[in-house]
Structure formats: structure tokens, C-alpha cells
């Protein structure tokens, strides 16, 4: 099997699956957490679609990700391999409104938490 170079425009789930030490993660701007993605779930349906063209949404707060990080786990420290700016092929009707609402909810949740800790 010939391994082609990984680029933000061409990397697919099929490229990543053979490497158990490679992880995909999003930095969620809504809940301010880093979420690791399950490449097997992506590959089950969209194995050959470039990851850059897919939509990823945080399951906790509903905010859409704007970039995806590819890292290799080496001992306790991860090695940064690639940052992929996400450019989805298409959006559903009402995407902008859903995204804005999710961001408002996340901000309200953060304000409520900071108010409790004071």
C-alpha cells in the first residue's frame, strides 16, 4: 500500500485508521474543551472523503468546529502532525442560526459557572 503525503486538503479517515497512535481532535470554542474524535465512526461511512470537507459538531454544546488537529501519541507527550482548517462541502438550512444559538448557550453556561464560583 502506497502512503501518500498527508495534507489538510487530502487527509481521509482511511489514511488515519491504520495508525493506532494517531488521534484527531477538535478544540471546541463553545465548551472550551478538547474533544478527541473516533476515526472508526468517521471511516465507517465517510472513509474516502477528505476530513477538511466534513462537519464536526461538539456533542456536549452543539458548536461546530472550525479546525481539526492531527497528533501522534508518543509516551506522555503528543506530537503535532497537522492542523486542518475545516471547510465543509455544504451546510444544512439554518446552520448559521443553530451555530449562533449554540455559542450563546455556551457563553451563558460559562457565565453561570463563573457566577457560582464567586
N, C-alpha and C. Protein backbone atom coordinates (compact mmCIF):
# COMPACT_ATOMS: atom_id res chain seq x y z
N UNK A 1 0.85 -1.18 0.00
CA UNK A 1 0.00 0.00 0.00
C UNK A 1 0.90 1.24 0.00
N UNK A 2 0.68 2.10 -0.95
CA UNK A 2 1.48 3.32 -1.07
C UNK A 2 0.90 4.40 -0.16
N UNK A 3 1.77 5.00 0.64
CA UNK A 3 1.32 6.06 1.56
C UNK A 3 1.59 7.41 0.91
N UNK A 4 0.51 8.14 0.63
CA UNK A 4 0.68 9.48 0.06
C UNK A 4 0.88 10.48 1.19
N UNK A 5 1.49 11.60 0.91
CA UNK A 5 1.73 12.59 1.98
C UNK A 5 0.40 13.14 2.53
N UNK A 6 0.37 13.37 3.83
CA UNK A 6 -0.82 13.90 4.46
C UNK A 6 -0.84 15.41 4.31
N UNK A 7 -1.92 15.92 3.73
CA UNK A 7 -2.11 17.36 3.63
C UNK A 7 -3.51 17.69 4.15
N UNK A 8 -3.72 18.92 4.51
CA UNK A 8 -5.03 19.34 5.03
C UNK A 8 -6.14 19.09 4.00
N UNK A 9 -5.82 19.20 2.74
CA UNK A 9 -6.84 19.07 1.68
C UNK A 9 -7.16 17.62 1.34
N UNK A 10 -6.24 16.68 1.61
CA UNK A 10 -6.44 15.31 1.13
C UNK A 10 -6.56 14.25 2.21
N UNK A 11 -6.27 14.54 3.45
CA UNK A 11 -6.30 13.51 4.51
C UNK A 11 -7.71 12.97 4.71
N UNK A 12 -7.83 11.64 4.72
CA UNK A 12 -9.13 10.98 4.91
C UNK A 12 -9.06 10.08 6.14
N UNK A 13 -10.21 9.61 6.58
CA UNK A 13 -10.26 8.67 7.70
C UNK A 13 -9.53 7.39 7.35
N UNK A 14 -9.61 6.95 6.09
CA UNK A 14 -8.93 5.73 5.67
C UNK A 14 -7.41 5.86 5.82
N UNK A 15 -6.89 7.08 5.64
CA UNK A 15 -5.45 7.31 5.80
C UNK A 15 -5.02 7.16 7.26
N UNK A 16 -5.88 7.54 8.19
CA UNK A 16 -5.54 7.59 9.61
C UNK A 16 -5.76 6.26 10.32
N UNK A 17 -6.78 5.50 9.92
CA UNK A 17 -7.17 4.27 10.61
C UNK A 17 -6.01 3.30 10.85
N UNK A 18 -5.10 3.07 9.92
CA UNK A 18 -4.03 2.08 10.18
C UNK A 18 -3.07 2.46 11.30
N UNK A 19 -3.10 3.69 11.75
CA UNK A 19 -2.14 4.17 12.74
C UNK A 19 -2.83 4.35 14.09
N UNK A 20 -2.66 3.40 14.99
CA UNK A 20 -3.32 3.45 16.30
C UNK A 20 -2.83 4.61 17.16
N UNK A 21 -1.64 5.11 16.89
CA UNK A 21 -1.10 6.19 17.70
C UNK A 21 -1.47 7.59 17.19
N UNK A 22 -2.21 7.67 16.08
CA UNK A 22 -2.62 8.96 15.53
C UNK A 22 -4.03 9.28 16.03
N UNK A 23 -4.20 10.50 16.53
CA UNK A 23 -5.50 10.93 17.04
C UNK A 23 -5.98 12.17 16.30
N UNK A 24 -7.30 12.33 16.25
CA UNK A 24 -7.92 13.52 15.68
C UNK A 24 -8.66 14.22 16.81
N UNK A 25 -8.52 15.52 16.93
CA UNK A 25 -9.23 16.22 17.98
C UNK A 25 -9.65 17.60 17.51
N UNK A 26 -10.71 18.10 18.14
CA UNK A 26 -11.18 19.45 17.88
C UNK A 26 -11.06 20.25 19.17
N UNK A 27 -10.75 21.51 19.03
CA UNK A 27 -10.71 22.42 20.15
C UNK A 27 -12.03 23.17 20.13
N UNK A 28 -12.95 22.79 21.00
CA UNK A 28 -14.29 23.35 20.99
C UNK A 28 -14.28 24.76 21.57
N UNK A 29 -14.74 25.73 20.78
CA UNK A 29 -14.78 27.11 21.25
C UNK A 29 -16.01 27.36 22.11
N UNK A 30 -16.96 26.42 22.11
CA UNK A 30 -18.16 26.58 22.93
C UNK A 30 -17.94 26.18 24.37
N UNK A 31 -17.47 24.97 24.60
CA UNK A 31 -17.27 24.50 25.97
C UNK A 31 -15.81 24.56 26.40
N UNK A 32 -14.95 25.08 25.53
CA UNK A 32 -13.53 25.29 25.85
C UNK A 32 -12.82 24.01 26.25
N UNK A 33 -13.16 22.91 25.59
CA UNK A 33 -12.52 21.64 25.85
C UNK A 33 -11.96 21.07 24.56
N UNK A 34 -11.03 20.14 24.68
CA UNK A 34 -10.50 19.45 23.52
C UNK A 34 -11.22 18.10 23.44
N UNK A 35 -11.83 17.84 22.31
CA UNK A 35 -12.58 16.61 22.11
C UNK A 35 -11.86 15.72 21.11
N UNK A 36 -11.62 14.49 21.49
CA UNK A 36 -10.99 13.53 20.59
C UNK A 36 -12.08 12.86 19.76
N UNK A 37 -11.84 12.72 18.47
CA UNK A 37 -12.81 12.11 17.57
C UNK A 37 -12.51 10.63 17.38
N UNK A 38 -13.54 9.86 17.15
CA UNK A 38 -13.39 8.44 16.88
C UNK A 38 -13.27 8.25 15.37
N UNK A 39 -12.07 7.99 14.91
CA UNK A 39 -11.83 7.88 13.46
C UNK A 39 -12.56 6.68 12.86
N UNK A 40 -12.84 5.66 13.67
CA UNK A 40 -13.56 4.49 13.17
C UNK A 40 -15.00 4.85 12.83
N UNK A 41 -15.64 5.70 13.63
CA UNK A 41 -17.01 6.13 13.33
C UNK A 41 -17.05 6.96 12.06
N UNK A 42 -16.05 7.81 11.87
CA UNK A 42 -15.99 8.62 10.66
C UNK A 42 -15.77 7.71 9.46
N UNK A 43 -14.83 6.80 9.58
CA UNK A 43 -14.47 5.92 8.48
C UNK A 43 -15.53 4.92 8.09
N UNK A 44 -16.44 4.62 9.01
CA UNK A 44 -17.49 3.65 8.71
C UNK A 44 -18.37 4.12 7.56
N UNK A 45 -18.56 5.42 7.42
CA UNK A 45 -19.42 5.94 6.36
C UNK A 45 -18.70 6.85 5.38
N UNK A 46 -17.69 7.54 5.84
CA UNK A 46 -17.06 8.58 5.03
C UNK A 46 -15.57 8.34 4.89
N UNK A 47 -15.18 7.10 4.69
CA UNK A 47 -13.77 6.73 4.70
C UNK A 47 -12.92 7.47 3.69
N UNK A 48 -13.46 7.75 2.52
CA UNK A 48 -12.66 8.35 1.46
C UNK A 48 -12.91 9.84 1.25
N UNK A 49 -13.75 10.44 2.08
CA UNK A 49 -13.99 11.88 1.98
C UNK A 49 -12.91 12.63 2.74
N UNK A 50 -12.34 13.66 2.15
CA UNK A 50 -11.34 14.44 2.90
C UNK A 50 -11.94 15.00 4.19
N UNK A 51 -11.22 14.85 5.29
CA UNK A 51 -11.71 15.32 6.59
C UNK A 51 -12.01 16.81 6.56
N UNK A 52 -11.28 17.56 5.75
CA UNK A 52 -11.47 19.00 5.67
C UNK A 52 -12.88 19.37 5.20
N UNK A 53 -13.52 18.50 4.45
CA UNK A 53 -14.83 18.79 3.88
C UNK A 53 -15.99 18.34 4.76
N UNK A 54 -15.70 17.75 5.92
CA UNK A 54 -16.76 17.24 6.79
C UNK A 54 -17.11 18.26 7.87
N UNK A 55 -18.33 18.14 8.39
CA UNK A 55 -18.77 18.99 9.51
C UNK A 55 -18.60 18.22 10.80
N UNK A 56 -18.00 18.84 11.78
CA UNK A 56 -17.86 18.22 13.10
C UNK A 56 -18.52 19.14 14.11
N UNK A 57 -19.37 18.55 14.95
CA UNK A 57 -20.12 19.31 15.93
C UNK A 57 -19.88 18.71 17.30
N UNK A 58 -19.61 19.57 18.28
CA UNK A 58 -19.37 19.11 19.65
C UNK A 58 -20.65 18.48 20.19
N UNK A 59 -20.55 17.27 20.71
CA UNK A 59 -21.72 16.59 21.25
C UNK A 59 -22.19 17.19 22.56
N UNK A 60 -21.31 17.92 23.23
CA UNK A 60 -21.68 18.50 24.52
C UNK A 60 -22.44 19.80 24.37
N UNK A 61 -21.92 20.73 23.53
CA UNK A 61 -22.53 22.06 23.46
C UNK A 61 -23.17 22.38 22.11
N UNK A 62 -22.88 21.59 21.06
CA UNK A 62 -23.52 21.80 19.77
C UNK A 62 -22.82 22.79 18.85
N UNK A 63 -21.67 23.32 19.24
CA UNK A 63 -20.94 24.27 18.41
C UNK A 63 -20.16 23.51 17.33
N UNK A 64 -20.16 24.04 16.13
CA UNK A 64 -19.42 23.43 15.03
C UNK A 64 -17.94 23.80 15.14
N UNK A 65 -17.09 22.83 14.87
CA UNK A 65 -15.64 23.05 14.93
C UNK A 65 -15.18 23.79 13.68
N UNK A 66 -14.13 24.59 13.84
CA UNK A 66 -13.58 25.28 12.68
C UNK A 66 -12.20 24.77 12.30
N UNK A 67 -11.61 23.90 13.13
CA UNK A 67 -10.35 23.27 12.76
C UNK A 67 -10.21 21.93 13.48
N UNK A 68 -9.39 21.08 12.89
CA UNK A 68 -9.18 19.73 13.38
C UNK A 68 -7.68 19.52 13.52
N UNK A 69 -7.26 18.95 14.64
CA UNK A 69 -5.84 18.72 14.86
C UNK A 69 -5.53 17.23 14.74
N UNK A 70 -4.45 16.93 14.05
CA UNK A 70 -3.97 15.55 13.90
C UNK A 70 -2.68 15.46 14.70
N UNK A 71 -2.64 14.51 15.65
CA UNK A 71 -1.47 14.34 16.52
C UNK A 71 -1.09 12.88 16.58
N UNK A 72 0.17 12.66 16.93
CA UNK A 72 0.66 11.31 17.17
C UNK A 72 0.98 11.21 18.66
N UNK A 73 0.44 10.18 19.29
CA UNK A 73 0.72 9.96 20.71
C UNK A 73 2.07 9.28 20.86
N UNK A 74 2.96 9.95 21.55
CA UNK A 74 4.27 9.37 21.85
C UNK A 74 4.51 9.54 23.33
N UNK A 75 4.54 8.47 24.05
CA UNK A 75 4.65 8.44 25.52
C UNK A 75 3.61 9.38 26.11
N UNK A 76 4.01 10.30 26.96
CA UNK A 76 3.03 11.18 27.61
C UNK A 76 2.79 12.46 26.82
N UNK A 77 3.64 12.74 25.85
CA UNK A 77 3.54 13.97 25.08
C UNK A 77 3.11 13.65 23.65
N UNK A 78 2.15 14.42 23.14
CA UNK A 78 1.71 14.21 21.76
C UNK A 78 2.53 15.05 20.80
N UNK A 79 2.74 14.52 19.61
CA UNK A 79 3.49 15.22 18.57
C UNK A 79 2.50 15.79 17.55
N UNK A 80 2.52 17.10 17.37
CA UNK A 80 1.63 17.75 16.41
C UNK A 80 2.04 17.36 14.99
N UNK A 81 1.08 16.86 14.21
CA UNK A 81 1.36 16.48 12.83
C UNK A 81 0.77 17.46 11.83
N UNK A 82 -0.49 17.86 12.06
CA UNK A 82 -1.19 18.64 11.05
C UNK A 82 -2.38 19.36 11.67
N UNK A 83 -2.61 20.58 11.27
CA UNK A 83 -3.82 21.32 11.66
C UNK A 83 -4.64 21.50 10.38
N UNK A 84 -5.89 21.08 10.43
CA UNK A 84 -6.74 21.13 9.25
C UNK A 84 -7.84 22.17 9.45
N UNK A 85 -7.81 23.27 8.70
CA UNK A 85 -8.93 24.21 8.77
C UNK A 85 -10.14 23.57 8.06
N UNK A 86 -11.26 23.51 8.75
CA UNK A 86 -12.42 22.82 8.19
C UNK A 86 -13.18 23.73 7.23
N UNK A 87 -13.48 23.18 6.07
CA UNK A 87 -14.23 23.88 5.03
C UNK A 87 -15.30 22.93 4.51
N UNK A 88 -16.39 22.74 5.27
CA UNK A 88 -17.41 21.76 4.90
C UNK A 88 -17.95 21.99 3.49
N UNK A 89 -18.27 20.88 2.84
CA UNK A 89 -18.83 20.90 1.50
C UNK A 89 -20.15 21.65 1.45
N UNK A 90 -20.96 21.43 2.46
CA UNK A 90 -22.29 22.05 2.48
C UNK A 90 -22.76 22.19 3.93
N UNK A 91 -23.72 23.05 4.12
CA UNK A 91 -24.34 23.26 5.43
C UNK A 91 -25.82 23.00 5.29
N UNK A 92 -26.44 22.57 6.37
CA UNK A 92 -27.89 22.39 6.39
C UNK A 92 -28.56 23.75 6.46
N UNK A 93 -29.83 23.79 6.11
CA UNK A 93 -30.59 25.03 6.27
C UNK A 93 -30.61 25.39 7.74
N UNK A 94 -30.38 26.63 8.05
CA UNK A 94 -30.40 27.09 9.43
C UNK A 94 -29.12 26.87 10.19
N UNK A 95 -28.06 26.46 9.50
CA UNK A 95 -26.79 26.20 10.19
C UNK A 95 -26.29 27.41 10.95
N UNK A 96 -26.29 28.57 10.32
CA UNK A 96 -25.75 29.78 10.97
C UNK A 96 -26.52 30.10 12.25
N UNK A 97 -27.83 29.95 12.19
CA UNK A 97 -28.66 30.23 13.37
C UNK A 97 -28.40 29.20 14.47
N UNK A 98 -28.29 27.92 14.10
CA UNK A 98 -28.01 26.87 15.08
C UNK A 98 -26.65 27.09 15.75
N UNK A 99 -25.67 27.45 14.95
CA UNK A 99 -24.32 27.68 15.46
C UNK A 99 -24.31 28.88 16.41
N UNK A 100 -24.97 29.96 16.03
CA UNK A 100 -25.03 31.15 16.88
C UNK A 100 -25.77 30.85 18.19
N UNK A 101 -26.84 30.09 18.11
CA UNK A 101 -27.58 29.72 19.32
C UNK A 101 -26.73 28.86 20.25
N UNK A 102 -25.97 27.91 19.69
CA UNK A 102 -25.10 27.06 20.49
C UNK A 102 -24.02 27.89 21.17
N UNK A 103 -23.46 28.87 20.46
CA UNK A 103 -22.45 29.75 21.07
C UNK A 103 -23.05 30.58 22.20
N UNK A 104 -24.27 31.08 22.01
CA UNK A 104 -24.94 31.85 23.09
C UNK A 104 -25.18 30.98 24.31
N UNK A 105 -25.64 29.75 24.10
CA UNK A 105 -25.86 28.83 25.23
C UNK A 105 -24.56 28.53 25.96
N UNK A 106 -23.50 28.30 25.21
CA UNK A 106 -22.20 28.01 25.83
C UNK A 106 -21.71 29.20 26.64
N UNK A 107 -21.87 30.40 26.12
CA UNK A 107 -21.45 31.61 26.84
C UNK A 107 -22.28 31.80 28.10
N UNK A 108 -23.58 31.58 28.02
CA UNK A 108 -24.45 31.69 29.19
C UNK A 108 -24.07 30.66 30.25
N UNK A 109 -23.74 29.46 29.82
CA UNK A 109 -23.32 28.39 30.75
C UNK A 109 -22.02 28.78 31.45
N UNK A 110 -21.07 29.34 30.70
CA UNK A 110 -19.80 29.79 31.30
C UNK A 110 -20.03 30.90 32.30
N UNK A 111 -20.88 31.87 31.95
CA UNK A 111 -21.18 32.97 32.88
C UNK A 111 -21.83 32.46 34.15
N UNK A 112 -22.75 31.51 34.00
CA UNK A 112 -23.42 30.94 35.18
C UNK A 112 -22.42 30.22 36.08
N UNK A 113 -21.49 29.50 35.48
CA UNK A 113 -20.50 28.78 36.27
C UNK A 113 -19.56 29.74 37.00
N UNK A 114 -19.15 30.80 36.33
CA UNK A 114 -18.26 31.76 37.00
C UNK A 114 -19.01 32.52 38.09
N UNK A 115 -20.29 32.75 37.91
CA UNK A 115 -21.08 33.43 38.94
C UNK A 115 -21.22 32.53 40.19
N UNK A 116 -21.33 31.23 40.00
CA UNK A 116 -21.43 30.29 41.13
C UNK A 116 -20.14 30.22 41.92
N UNK A 117 -19.02 30.33 41.24
CA UNK A 117 -17.73 30.19 41.93
C UNK A 117 -17.31 31.45 42.65
N UNK A 118 -17.97 32.52 42.43
CA UNK A 118 -17.61 33.79 43.12
C UNK A 118 -18.24 33.89 44.46
